[in-house]
């Protein structure tokens, strides 16, 4: 076997578990007491919301809060896809690159044009 054409095996990547754990645990340890103080401050210092005597009103308020949280999840997902598309070279009109529709799409577009 010729050694000139053989490819050297890849070298293992150095992985420092301690530094990774420290980079993860330290921000959590700092954020945890801050989050606890914010929750207790909001619970004990804010006045109660007006009109929350009825059970249905409280349920509707909690449903609206859940909807806002879900919308924030959608926003982060949409933003991630948008950033991926910005870096994708397949649809860059400034560079002269365009995604061409496949044959099925072009015939469908021709029918409605």
PDB file of N, CA and C in Angstrom:
ATOM      1  N   UNK A   1       0.844  -1.176   0.000  1.00  0.00           N
ATOM      2  CA  UNK A   1       0.000   0.000   0.000  1.00  0.00           C
ATOM      3  C   UNK A   1       0.888   1.236   0.000  1.00  0.00           C
ATOM      4  N   UNK A   2       0.523   2.226  -0.795  1.00  0.00           N
ATOM      5  CA  UNK A   2       1.317   3.428  -0.959  1.00  0.00           C
ATOM      6  C   UNK A   2       0.983   4.424   0.143  1.00  0.00           C
ATOM      7  N   UNK A   3       1.968   4.852   0.899  1.00  0.00           N
ATOM      8  CA  UNK A   3       1.754   5.801   1.987  1.00  0.00           C
ATOM      9  C   UNK A   3       1.563   7.226   1.502  1.00  0.00           C
ATOM     10  N   UNK A   4       1.943   7.519   0.266  1.00  0.00           N
ATOM     11  CA  UNK A   4       1.821   8.878  -0.253  1.00  0.00           C
ATOM     12  C   UNK A   4       0.360   9.256  -0.468  1.00  0.00           C
ATOM     13  N   UNK A   5      -0.482   8.280  -0.809  1.00  0.00           N
ATOM     14  CA  UNK A   5      -1.888   8.557  -1.071  1.00  0.00           C
ATOM     15  C   UNK A   5      -2.774   8.374   0.154  1.00  0.00           C
ATOM     16  N   UNK A   6      -2.226   7.860   1.226  1.00  0.00           N
ATOM     17  CA  UNK A   6      -3.049   7.620   2.412  1.00  0.00           C
ATOM     18  C   UNK A   6      -3.308   8.941   3.147  1.00  0.00           C
ATOM     19  N   UNK A   7      -4.491   9.035   3.707  1.00  0.00           N
ATOM     20  CA  UNK A   7      -4.895  10.239   4.421  1.00  0.00           C
ATOM     21  C   UNK A   7      -4.742   9.974   5.908  1.00  0.00           C
ATOM     22  N   UNK A   8      -4.164  10.936   6.607  1.00  0.00           N
ATOM     23  CA  UNK A   8      -3.977  10.783   8.047  1.00  0.00           C
ATOM     24  C   UNK A   8      -5.327  10.854   8.750  1.00  0.00           C
ATOM     25  N   UNK A   9      -5.523  10.068   9.772  1.00  0.00           N
ATOM     26  CA  UNK A   9      -6.806  10.138  10.499  1.00  0.00           C
ATOM     27  C   UNK A   9      -6.937  11.491  11.189  1.00  0.00           C
ATOM     28  N   UNK A  10      -8.156  11.971  11.325  1.00  0.00           N
ATOM     29  CA  UNK A  10      -8.337  13.276  11.969  1.00  0.00           C
ATOM     30  C   UNK A  10      -7.922  13.230  13.434  1.00  0.00           C
ATOM     31  N   UNK A  11      -7.367  14.322  13.862  1.00  0.00           N
ATOM     32  CA  UNK A  11      -6.940  14.421  15.256  1.00  0.00           C
ATOM     33  C   UNK A  11      -8.141  14.684  16.146  1.00  0.00           C
ATOM     34  N   UNK A  12      -8.183  14.109  17.332  1.00  0.00           N
ATOM     35  CA  UNK A  12      -9.312  14.364  18.224  1.00  0.00           C
ATOM     36  C   UNK A  12      -9.349  15.824  18.669  1.00  0.00           C
ATOM     37  N   UNK A  13     -10.543  16.342  18.806  1.00  0.00           N
ATOM     38  CA  UNK A  13     -10.728  17.724  19.224  1.00  0.00           C
ATOM     39  C   UNK A  13     -10.599  17.792  20.738  1.00  0.00           C
ATOM     40  N   UNK A  14      -9.840  18.755  21.187  1.00  0.00           N
ATOM     41  CA  UNK A  14      -9.690  18.939  22.631  1.00  0.00           C
ATOM     42  C   UNK A  14     -10.986  19.494  23.203  1.00  0.00           C
ATOM     43  N   UNK A  15     -11.495  18.872  24.238  1.00  0.00           N
ATOM     44  CA  UNK A  15     -12.738  19.291  24.863  1.00  0.00           C
ATOM     45  C   UNK A  15     -12.507  19.381  26.357  1.00  0.00           C
ATOM     46  N   UNK A  16     -12.615  20.580  26.867  1.00  0.00           N
ATOM     47  CA  UNK A  16     -12.406  20.803  28.290  1.00  0.00           C
ATOM     48  C   UNK A  16     -13.763  20.853  28.983  1.00  0.00           C
ATOM     49  N   UNK A  17     -14.135  19.755  29.620  1.00  0.00           N
ATOM     50  CA  UNK A  17     -15.442  19.649  30.252  1.00  0.00           C
ATOM     51  C   UNK A  17     -15.589  20.641  31.406  1.00  0.00           C
ATOM     52  N   UNK A  18     -14.540  20.842  32.161  1.00  0.00           N
ATOM     53  CA  UNK A  18     -14.611  21.768  33.306  1.00  0.00           C
ATOM     54  C   UNK A  18     -14.928  23.199  32.862  1.00  0.00           C
ATOM     55  N   UNK A  19     -14.286  23.643  31.794  1.00  0.00           N
ATOM     56  CA  UNK A  19     -14.546  25.019  31.335  1.00  0.00           C
ATOM     57  C   UNK A  19     -15.956  25.136  30.757  1.00  0.00           C
ATOM     58  N   UNK A  20     -16.457  24.086  30.104  1.00  0.00           N
ATOM     59  CA  UNK A  20     -17.825  24.102  29.591  1.00  0.00           C
ATOM     60  C   UNK A  20     -18.837  24.127  30.729  1.00  0.00           C
ATOM     61  N   UNK A  21     -18.590  23.343  31.777  1.00  0.00           N
ATOM     62  CA  UNK A  21     -19.479  23.338  32.930  1.00  0.00           C
ATOM     63  C   UNK A  21     -19.463  24.687  33.633  1.00  0.00           C
ATOM     64  N   UNK A  22     -18.280  25.270  33.755  1.00  0.00           N
ATOM     65  CA  UNK A  22     -18.170  26.569  34.405  1.00  0.00           C
ATOM     66  C   UNK A  22     -18.884  27.647  33.600  1.00  0.00           C
ATOM     67  N   UNK A  23     -18.756  27.583  32.276  1.00  0.00           N
ATOM     68  CA  UNK A  23     -19.423  28.562  31.419  1.00  0.00           C
ATOM     69  C   UNK A  23     -20.937  28.418  31.480  1.00  0.00           C
ATOM     70  N   UNK A  24     -21.436  27.261  31.858  1.00  0.00           N
ATOM     71  CA  UNK A  24     -22.871  27.041  31.961  1.00  0.00           C
ATOM     72  C   UNK A  24     -23.390  27.327  33.361  1.00  0.00           C
ATOM     73  N   UNK A  25     -22.686  26.876  34.370  1.00  0.00           N
ATOM     74  CA  UNK A  25     -23.171  26.956  35.751  1.00  0.00           C
ATOM     75  C   UNK A  25     -23.060  28.371  36.319  1.00  0.00           C
ATOM     76  N   UNK A  26     -22.039  29.092  36.003  1.00  0.00           N
ATOM     77  CA  UNK A  26     -21.845  30.427  36.580  1.00  0.00           C
ATOM     78  C   UNK A  26     -22.974  31.389  36.194  1.00  0.00           C
ATOM     79  N   UNK A  27     -23.359  31.502  34.923  1.00  0.00           N
ATOM     80  CA  UNK A  27     -24.484  32.397  34.619  1.00  0.00           C
ATOM     81  C   UNK A  27     -25.802  31.959  35.257  1.00  0.00           C
ATOM     82  N   UNK A  28     -26.011  30.654  35.364  1.00  0.00           N
ATOM     83  CA  UNK A  28     -27.222  30.170  36.029  1.00  0.00           C
ATOM     84  C   UNK A  28     -27.194  30.527  37.503  1.00  0.00           C
ATOM     85  N   UNK A  29     -26.063  30.350  38.134  1.00  0.00           N
ATOM     86  CA  UNK A  29     -25.943  30.679  39.559  1.00  0.00           C
ATOM     87  C   UNK A  29     -26.123  32.174  39.809  1.00  0.00           C
ATOM     88  N   UNK A  30     -25.733  33.006  38.884  1.00  0.00           N
ATOM     89  CA  UNK A  30     -25.914  34.447  39.028  1.00  0.00           C
ATOM     90  C   UNK A  30     -27.367  34.833  38.760  1.00  0.00           C
ATOM     91  N   UNK A  31     -27.980  34.215  37.745  1.00  0.00           N
ATOM     92  CA  UNK A  31     -29.338  34.584  37.360  1.00  0.00           C
ATOM     93  C   UNK A  31     -30.390  34.063  38.329  1.00  0.00           C
ATOM     94  N   UNK A  32     -30.129  32.963  39.004  1.00  0.00           N
ATOM     95  CA  UNK A  32     -31.138  32.364  39.876  1.00  0.00           C
ATOM     96  C   UNK A  32     -31.570  33.282  41.010  1.00  0.00           C
ATOM     97  N   UNK A  33     -30.658  33.841  41.818  1.00  0.00           N
ATOM     98  CA  UNK A  33     -31.126  34.738  42.888  1.00  0.00           C
ATOM     99  C   UNK A  33     -31.783  36.007  42.357  1.00  0.00           C
ATOM    100  N   UNK A  34     -31.326  36.493  41.211  1.00  0.00           N
ATOM    101  CA  UNK A  34     -31.943  37.680  40.623  1.00  0.00           C
ATOM    102  C   UNK A  34     -33.380  37.367  40.213  1.00  0.00           C
ATOM    103  N   UNK A  35     -33.605  36.208  39.604  1.00  0.00           N
ATOM    104  CA  UNK A  35     -34.957  35.820  39.200  1.00  0.00           C
ATOM    105  C   UNK A  35     -35.861  35.634  40.420  1.00  0.00           C
ATOM    106  N   UNK A  36     -35.346  35.030  41.478  1.00  0.00           N
ATOM    107  CA  UNK A  36     -36.139  34.840  42.700  1.00  0.00           C
ATOM    108  C   UNK A  36     -36.525  36.191  43.288  1.00  0.00           C
ATOM    109  N   UNK A  37     -35.588  37.124  43.333  1.00  0.00           N
ATOM    110  CA  UNK A  37     -35.902  38.459  43.877  1.00  0.00           C
ATOM    111  C   UNK A  37     -36.952  39.162  43.019  1.00  0.00           C
ATOM    112  N   UNK A  38     -36.854  39.045  41.688  1.00  0.00           N
ATOM    113  CA  UNK A  38     -37.847  39.675  40.823  1.00  0.00           C
ATOM    114  C   UNK A  38     -39.235  39.076  41.030  1.00  0.00           C
ATOM    115  N   UNK A  39     -39.324  37.743  41.148  1.00  0.00           N
ATOM    116  CA  UNK A  39     -40.625  37.107  41.358  1.00  0.00           C
ATOM    117  C   UNK A  39     -41.228  37.515  42.696  1.00  0.00           C
ATOM    118  N   UNK A  40     -40.434  37.480  43.763  1.00  0.00           N
ATOM    119  CA  UNK A  40     -40.960  37.884  45.069  1.00  0.00           C
ATOM    120  C   UNK A  40     -41.336  39.366  45.081  1.00  0.00           C
ATOM    121  N   UNK A  41     -40.531  40.186  44.410  1.00  0.00           N
ATOM    122  CA  UNK A  41     -40.862  41.604  44.317  1.00  0.00           C
ATOM    123  C   UNK A  41     -42.168  41.831  43.576  1.00  0.00           C
ATOM    124  N   UNK A  42     -42.362  41.116  42.485  1.00  0.00           N
ATOM    125  CA  UNK A  42     -43.613  41.254  41.735  1.00  0.00           C
ATOM    126  C   UNK A  42     -44.795  40.727  42.542  1.00  0.00           C
ATOM    127  N   UNK A  43     -44.593  39.666  43.268  1.00  0.00           N
ATOM    128  CA  UNK A  43     -45.695  39.054  44.018  1.00  0.00           C
ATOM    129  C   UNK A  43     -46.125  39.907  45.203  1.00  0.00           C
ATOM    130  N   UNK A  44     -45.156  40.440  45.928  1.00  0.00           N
ATOM    131  CA  UNK A  44     -45.486  41.167  47.158  1.00  0.00           C
ATOM    132  C   UNK A  44     -45.633  42.675  46.976  1.00  0.00           C
ATOM    133  N   UNK A  45     -45.021  43.262  45.966  1.00  0.00           N
ATOM    134  CA  UNK A  45     -45.027  44.714  45.841  1.00  0.00           C
ATOM    135  C   UNK A  45     -46.042  45.251  44.842  1.00  0.00           C
ATOM    136  N   UNK A  46     -46.419  44.468  43.838  1.00  0.00           N
ATOM    137  CA  UNK A  46     -47.387  44.958  42.864  1.00  0.00           C
ATOM    138  C   UNK A  46     -48.808  44.847  43.414  1.00  0.00           C
ATOM    139  N   UNK A  47     -49.639  45.831  43.118  1.00  0.00           N
ATOM    140  CA  UNK A  47     -51.031  45.743  43.578  1.00  0.00           C
ATOM    141  C   UNK A  47     -51.788  44.689  42.763  1.00  0.00           C
ATOM    142  N   UNK A  48     -52.856  44.135  43.330  1.00  0.00           N
ATOM    143  CA  UNK A  48     -53.635  43.147  42.562  1.00  0.00           C
ATOM    144  C   UNK A  48     -54.302  43.800  41.353  1.00  0.00           C
ATOM    145  N   UNK A  49     -54.501  43.016  40.320  1.00  0.00           N
ATOM    146  CA  UNK A  49     -55.130  43.521  39.111  1.00  0.00           C
ATOM    147  C   UNK A  49     -56.614  43.755  39.352  1.00  0.00           C
ATOM    148  N   UNK A  50     -57.121  44.809  38.751  1.00  0.00           N
ATOM    149  CA  UNK A  50     -58.527  45.162  38.917  1.00  0.00           C
ATOM    150  C   UNK A  50     -59.388  44.207  38.084  1.00  0.00           C
ATOM    151  N   UNK A  51     -60.487  43.755  38.646  1.00  0.00           N
ATOM    152  CA  UNK A  51     -61.424  42.910  37.919  1.00  0.00           C
ATOM    153  C   UNK A  51     -61.069  41.439  37.916  1.00  0.00           C
ATOM    154  N   UNK A  52     -60.225  41.003  38.820  1.00  0.00           N
ATOM    155  CA  UNK A  52     -59.824  39.601  38.858  1.00  0.00           C
ATOM    156  C   UNK A  52     -60.547  38.823  39.954  1.00  0.00           C
ATOM    157  N   UNK A  53     -61.730  39.277  40.349  1.00  0.00           N
ATOM    158  CA  UNK A  53     -62.483  38.563  41.375  1.00  0.00           C
ATOM    159  C   UNK A  53     -63.170  37.328  40.800  1.00  0.00           C
ATOM    160  N   UNK A  54     -63.552  37.375  39.546  1.00  0.00           N
ATOM    161  CA  UNK A  54     -64.253  36.278  38.902  1.00  0.00           C
ATOM    162  C   UNK A  54     -63.244  35.242  38.410  1.00  0.00           C
ATOM    163  N   UNK A  55     -63.602  33.965  38.516  1.00  0.00           N
ATOM    164  CA  UNK A  55     -62.718  32.885  38.067  1.00  0.00           C
ATOM    165  C   UNK A  55     -62.522  32.947  36.554  1.00  0.00           C
ATOM    166  N   UNK A  56     -63.579  33.235  35.816  1.00  0.00           N
ATOM    167  CA  UNK A  56     -63.479  33.314  34.358  1.00  0.00           C
ATOM    168  C   UNK A  56     -62.540  34.441  33.924  1.00  0.00           C
ATOM    169  N   UNK A  57     -62.565  35.550  34.629  1.00  0.00           N
ATOM    170  CA  UNK A  57     -61.671  36.664  34.303  1.00  0.00           C
ATOM    171  C   UNK A  57     -60.214  36.268  34.528  1.00  0.00           C
ATOM    172  N   UNK A  58     -59.957  35.547  35.605  1.00  0.00           N
ATOM    173  CA  UNK A  58     -58.583  35.087  35.864  1.00  0.00           C
ATOM    174  C   UNK A  58     -58.131  34.077  34.814  1.00  0.00           C
ATOM    175  N   UNK A  59     -59.048  33.187  34.399  1.00  0.00           N
ATOM    176  CA  UNK A  59     -58.702  32.211  33.366  1.00  0.00           C
ATOM    177  C   UNK A  59     -58.412  32.893  32.029  1.00  0.00           C
ATOM    178  N   UNK A  60     -59.209  33.878  31.676  1.00  0.00           N
ATOM    179  CA  UNK A  60     -58.984  34.601  30.422  1.00  0.00           C
ATOM    180  C   UNK A  60     -57.666  35.374  30.459  1.00  0.00           C
ATOM    181  N   UNK A  61     -57.348  35.956  31.595  1.00  0.00           N
ATOM    182  CA  UNK A  61     -56.079  36.670  31.737  1.00  0.00           C
ATOM    183  C   UNK A  61     -54.902  35.714  31.588  1.00  0.00           C
ATOM    184  N   UNK A  62     -54.995  34.540  32.198  1.00  0.00           N
ATOM    185  CA  UNK A  62     -53.902  33.570  32.087  1.00  0.00           C
ATOM    186  C   UNK A  62     -53.783  33.039  30.660  1.00  0.00           C
ATOM    187  N   UNK A  63     -54.920  32.869  29.969  1.00  0.00           N
ATOM    188  CA  UNK A  63     -54.887  32.435  28.581  1.00  0.00           C
ATOM    189  C   UNK A  63     -54.219  33.484  27.692  1.00  0.00           C
ATOM    190  N   UNK A  64     -54.525  34.753  27.935  1.00  0.00           N
ATOM    191  CA  UNK A  64     -53.890  35.822  27.163  1.00  0.00           C
ATOM    192  C   UNK A  64     -52.384  35.882  27.418  1.00  0.00           C
ATOM    193  N   UNK A  65     -51.977  35.670  28.666  1.00  0.00           N
ATOM    194  CA  UNK A  65     -50.541  35.656  28.976  1.00  0.00           C
ATOM    195  C   UNK A  65     -49.847  34.491  28.277  1.00  0.00           C
ATOM    196  N   UNK A  66     -50.512  33.340  28.219  1.00  0.00           N
ATOM    197  CA  UNK A  66     -49.944  32.183  27.520  1.00  0.00           C
ATOM    198  C   UNK A  66     -49.817  32.467  26.029  1.00  0.00           C
ATOM    199  N   UNK A  67     -50.805  33.137  25.466  1.00  0.00           N
ATOM    200  CA  UNK A  67     -50.744  33.465  24.038  1.00  0.00           C
ATOM    201  C   UNK A  67     -49.578  34.401  23.736  1.00  0.00           C
ATOM    202  N   UNK A  68     -49.318  35.335  24.609  1.00  0.00           N
ATOM    203  CA  UNK A  68     -48.188  36.246  24.410  1.00  0.00           C
ATOM    204  C   UNK A  68     -46.879  35.465  24.473  1.00  0.00           C
ATOM    205  N   UNK A  69     -46.778  34.530  25.409  1.00  0.00           N
ATOM    206  CA  UNK A  69     -45.561  33.721  25.502  1.00  0.00           C
ATOM    207  C   UNK A  69     -45.368  32.869  24.257  1.00  0.00           C
ATOM    208  N   UNK A  70     -46.447  32.310  23.728  1.00  0.00           N
ATOM    209  CA  UNK A  70     -46.355  31.504  22.510  1.00  0.00           C
ATOM    210  C   UNK A  70     -45.939  32.368  21.323  1.00  0.00           C
ATOM    211  N   UNK A  71     -46.449  33.583  21.249  1.00  0.00           N
ATOM    212  CA  UNK A  71     -46.053  34.475  20.157  1.00  0.00           C
ATOM    213  C   UNK A  71     -44.566  34.792  20.212  1.00  0.00           C
ATOM    214  N   UNK A  72     -44.016  34.947  21.426  1.00  0.00           N
ATOM    215  CA  UNK A  72     -42.575  35.170  21.541  1.00  0.00           C
ATOM    216  C   UNK A  72     -41.802  33.957  21.031  1.00  0.00           C
ATOM    217  N   UNK A  73     -42.312  32.749  21.256  1.00  0.00           N
ATOM    218  CA  UNK A  73     -41.658  31.549  20.719  1.00  0.00           C
ATOM    219  C   UNK A  73     -41.688  31.553  19.196  1.00  0.00           C
ATOM    220  N   UNK A  74     -42.823  31.938  18.620  1.00  0.00           N
ATOM    221  CA  UNK A  74     -42.911  32.032  17.161  1.00  0.00           C
ATOM    222  C   UNK A  74     -41.933  33.073  16.622  1.00  0.00           C
ATOM    223  N   UNK A  75     -41.813  34.185  17.293  1.00  0.00           N
ATOM    224  CA  UNK A  75     -40.915  35.246  16.827  1.00  0.00           C
ATOM    225  C   UNK A  75     -39.479  34.759  16.796  1.00  0.00           C
ATOM    226  N   UNK A  76     -39.049  34.052  17.818  1.00  0.00           N
ATOM    227  CA  UNK A  76     -37.665  33.570  17.823  1.00  0.00           C
ATOM    228  C   UNK A  76     -37.438  32.531  16.732  1.00  0.00           C
ATOM    229  N   UNK A  77     -38.433  31.677  16.479  1.00  0.00           N
ATOM    230  CA  UNK A  77     -38.295  30.699  15.400  1.00  0.00           C
ATOM    231  C   UNK A  77     -38.249  31.353  14.033  1.00  0.00           C
ATOM    232  N   UNK A  78     -39.111  32.320  13.805  1.00  0.00           N
ATOM    233  CA  UNK A  78     -39.136  33.030  12.527  1.00  0.00           C
ATOM    234  C   UNK A  78     -37.837  33.805  12.331  1.00  0.00           C
ATOM    235  N   UNK A  79     -37.342  34.392  13.384  1.00  0.00           N
ATOM    236  CA  UNK A  79     -36.096  35.142  13.302  1.00  0.00           C
ATOM    237  C   UNK A  79     -34.928  34.216  12.970  1.00  0.00           C
ATOM    238  N   UNK A  80     -34.913  33.012  13.536  1.00  0.00           N
ATOM    239  CA  UNK A  80     -33.838  32.060  13.243  1.00  0.00           C
ATOM    240  C   UNK A  80     -33.868  31.644  11.777  1.00  0.00           C
ATOM    241  N   UNK A  81     -35.055  31.389  11.238  1.00  0.00           N
ATOM    242  CA  UNK A  81     -35.174  31.018   9.824  1.00  0.00           C
ATOM    243  C   UNK A  81     -34.752  32.181   8.934  1.00  0.00           C
ATOM    244  N   UNK A  82     -35.132  33.394   9.310  1.00  0.00           N
ATOM    245  CA  UNK A  82     -34.762  34.565   8.511  1.00  0.00           C
ATOM    246  C   UNK A  82     -33.253  34.741   8.467  1.00  0.00           C
ATOM    247  N   UNK A  83     -32.573  34.528   9.578  1.00  0.00           N
ATOM    248  CA  UNK A  83     -31.120  34.653   9.568  1.00  0.00           C
ATOM    249  C   UNK A  83     -30.470  33.571   8.718  1.00  0.00           C
ATOM    250  N   UNK A  84     -31.016  32.372   8.727  1.00  0.00           N
ATOM    251  CA  UNK A  84     -30.470  31.315   7.880  1.00  0.00           C
ATOM    252  C   UNK A  84     -30.650  31.669   6.407  1.00  0.00           C
ATOM    253  N   UNK A  85     -31.780  32.255   6.069  1.00  0.00           N
ATOM    254  CA  UNK A  85     -32.014  32.625   4.672  1.00  0.00           C
ATOM    255  C   UNK A  85     -31.142  33.792   4.248  1.00  0.00           C
ATOM    256  N   UNK A  86     -30.786  34.659   5.173  1.00  0.00           N
ATOM    257  CA  UNK A  86     -29.891  35.760   4.815  1.00  0.00           C
ATOM    258  C   UNK A  86     -28.510  35.252   4.446  1.00  0.00           C
ATOM    259  N   UNK A  87     -28.077  34.178   5.089  1.00  0.00           N
ATOM    260  CA  UNK A  87     -26.751  33.638   4.819  1.00  0.00           C
ATOM    261  C   UNK A  87     -26.742  32.644   3.677  1.00  0.00           C
ATOM    262  N   UNK A  88     -27.910  32.241   3.189  1.00  0.00           N
ATOM    263  CA  UNK A  88     -28.004  31.237   2.128  1.00  0.00           C
ATOM    264  C   UNK A  88     -27.698  31.887   0.782  1.00  0.00           C
ATOM    265  N   UNK A  89     -26.723  31.369   0.029  1.00  0.00           N
ATOM    266  CA  UNK A  89     -26.379  31.989  -1.252  1.00  0.00           C
ATOM    267  C   UNK A  89     -27.331  31.614  -2.382  1.00  0.00           C
ATOM    268  N   UNK A  90     -28.319  30.756  -2.141  1.00  0.00           N
ATOM    269  CA  UNK A  90     -29.158  30.283  -3.232  1.00  0.00           C
ATOM    270  C   UNK A  90     -30.152  31.322  -3.731  1.00  0.00           C
ATOM    271  N   UNK A  91     -30.445  32.335  -2.955  1.00  0.00           N
ATOM    272  CA  UNK A  91     -31.410  33.342  -3.375  1.00  0.00           C
ATOM    273  C   UNK A  91     -30.822  34.735  -3.143  1.00  0.00           C
ATOM    274  N   UNK A  92     -29.806  35.061  -3.917  1.00  0.00           N
ATOM    275  CA  UNK A  92     -29.133  36.350  -3.812  1.00  0.00           C
ATOM    276  C   UNK A  92     -29.244  37.075  -5.143  1.00  0.00           C
ATOM    277  N   UNK A  93     -30.288  37.886  -5.357  1.00  0.00           N
ATOM    278  CA  UNK A  93     -30.442  38.554  -6.647  1.00  0.00           C
ATOM    279  C   UNK A  93     -29.307  39.524  -6.946  1.00  0.00           C
ATOM    280  N   UNK A  94     -28.683  40.082  -5.926  1.00  0.00           N
ATOM    281  CA  UNK A  94     -27.586  41.022  -6.172  1.00  0.00           C
ATOM    282  C   UNK A  94     -26.387  40.320  -6.800  1.00  0.00           C
ATOM    283  N   UNK A  95     -26.236  39.034  -6.518  1.00  0.00           N
ATOM    284  CA  UNK A  95     -25.129  38.270  -7.088  1.00  0.00           C
ATOM    285  C   UNK A  95     -25.528  37.560  -8.372  1.00  0.00           C
ATOM    286  N   UNK A  96     -26.769  37.740  -8.794  1.00  0.00           N
ATOM    287  CA  UNK A  96     -27.245  37.078  -9.999  1.00  0.00           C
ATOM    288  C   UNK A  96     -27.730  35.660  -9.753  1.00  0.00           C
ATOM    289  N   UNK A  97     -27.891  35.273  -8.506  1.00  0.00           N
ATOM    290  CA  UNK A  97     -28.344  33.929  -8.175  1.00  0.00           C
ATOM    291  C   UNK A  97     -29.820  33.972  -7.812  1.00  0.00           C
ATOM    292  N   UNK A  98     -30.601  33.075  -8.369  1.00  0.00           N
ATOM    293  CA  UNK A  98     -32.026  32.977  -8.051  1.00  0.00           C
ATOM    294  C   UNK A  98     -32.398  31.522  -7.959  1.00  0.00           C
ATOM    295  N   UNK A  99     -33.357  31.215  -7.116  1.00  0.00           N
ATOM    296  CA  UNK A  99     -33.928  29.871  -7.089  1.00  0.00           C
ATOM    297  C   UNK A  99     -34.890  29.745  -8.259  1.00  0.00           C
ATOM    298  N   UNK A 100     -34.649  28.827  -9.125  1.00  0.00           N
ATOM    299  CA  UNK A 100     -35.549  28.613 -10.263  1.00  0.00           C
ATOM    300  C   UNK A 100     -36.657  27.668  -9.826  1.00  0.00           C
ATOM    301  N   UNK A 101     -37.910  27.967 -10.184  1.00  0.00           N
ATOM    302  CA  UNK A 101     -38.977  27.033  -9.828  1.00  0.00           C
ATOM    303  C   UNK A 101     -38.811  25.741 -10.610  1.00  0.00           C
ATOM    304  N   UNK A 102     -39.214  24.647  -9.996  1.00  0.00           N
ATOM    305  CA  UNK A 102     -39.104  23.379 -10.712  1.00  0.00           C
ATOM    306  C   UNK A 102     -40.171  23.296 -11.802  1.00  0.00           C
ATOM    307  N   UNK A 103     -40.153  22.226 -12.565  1.00  0.00           N
ATOM    308  CA  UNK A 103     -41.038  22.108 -13.729  1.00  0.00           C
ATOM    309  C   UNK A 103     -42.503  22.141 -13.321  1.00  0.00           C
ATOM    310  N   UNK A 104     -42.846  21.520 -12.208  1.00  0.00           N
ATOM    311  CA  UNK A 104     -44.238  21.505 -11.768  1.00  0.00           C
ATOM    312  C   UNK A 104     -44.726  22.893 -11.391  1.00  0.00           C
ATOM    313  N   UNK A 105     -43.878  23.664 -10.772  1.00  0.00           N
ATOM    314  CA  UNK A 105     -44.265  25.020 -10.393  1.00  0.00           C
ATOM    315  C   UNK A 105     -44.399  25.920 -11.606  1.00  0.00           C
ATOM    316  N   UNK A 106     -43.488  25.793 -12.569  1.00  0.00           N
ATOM    317  CA  UNK A 106     -43.544  26.683 -13.723  1.00  0.00           C
ATOM    318  C   UNK A 106     -44.782  26.409 -14.574  1.00  0.00           C
ATOM    319  N   UNK A 107     -45.176  25.142 -14.700  1.00  0.00           N
ATOM    320  CA  UNK A 107     -46.386  24.856 -15.475  1.00  0.00           C
ATOM    321  C   UNK A 107     -47.621  25.342 -14.725  1.00  0.00           C
ATOM    322  N   UNK A 108     -47.618  25.244 -13.411  1.00  0.00           N
ATOM    323  CA  UNK A 108     -48.742  25.721 -12.612  1.00  0.00           C
ATOM    324  C   UNK A 108     -48.834  27.242 -12.685  1.00  0.00           C
ATOM    325  N   UNK A 109     -47.683  27.923 -12.669  1.00  0.00           N
ATOM    326  CA  UNK A 109     -47.672  29.362 -12.776  1.00  0.00           C
ATOM    327  C   UNK A 109     -48.137  29.809 -14.160  1.00  0.00           C
ATOM    328  N   UNK A 110     -47.787  29.051 -15.189  1.00  0.00           N
ATOM    329  CA  UNK A 110     -48.183  29.412 -16.553  1.00  0.00           C
ATOM    330  C   UNK A 110     -49.693  29.292 -16.733  1.00  0.00           C
ATOM    331  N   UNK A 111     -50.342  28.365 -16.029  1.00  0.00           N
ATOM    332  CA  UNK A 111     -51.787  28.201 -16.134  1.00  0.00           C
ATOM    333  C   UNK A 111     -52.524  29.423 -15.606  1.00  0.00           C
ATOM    334  N   UNK A 112     -52.010  30.014 -14.540  1.00  0.00           N
ATOM    335  CA  UNK A 112     -52.711  31.132 -13.887  1.00  0.00           C
ATOM    336  C   UNK A 112     -52.248  32.494 -14.370  1.00  0.00           C
ATOM    337  N   UNK A 113     -51.270  32.529 -15.246  1.00  0.00           N
ATOM    338  CA  UNK A 113     -50.762  33.823 -15.732  1.00  0.00           C
ATOM    339  C   UNK A 113     -51.620  34.392 -16.841  1.00  0.00           C
TER     340      UNK A 113
END
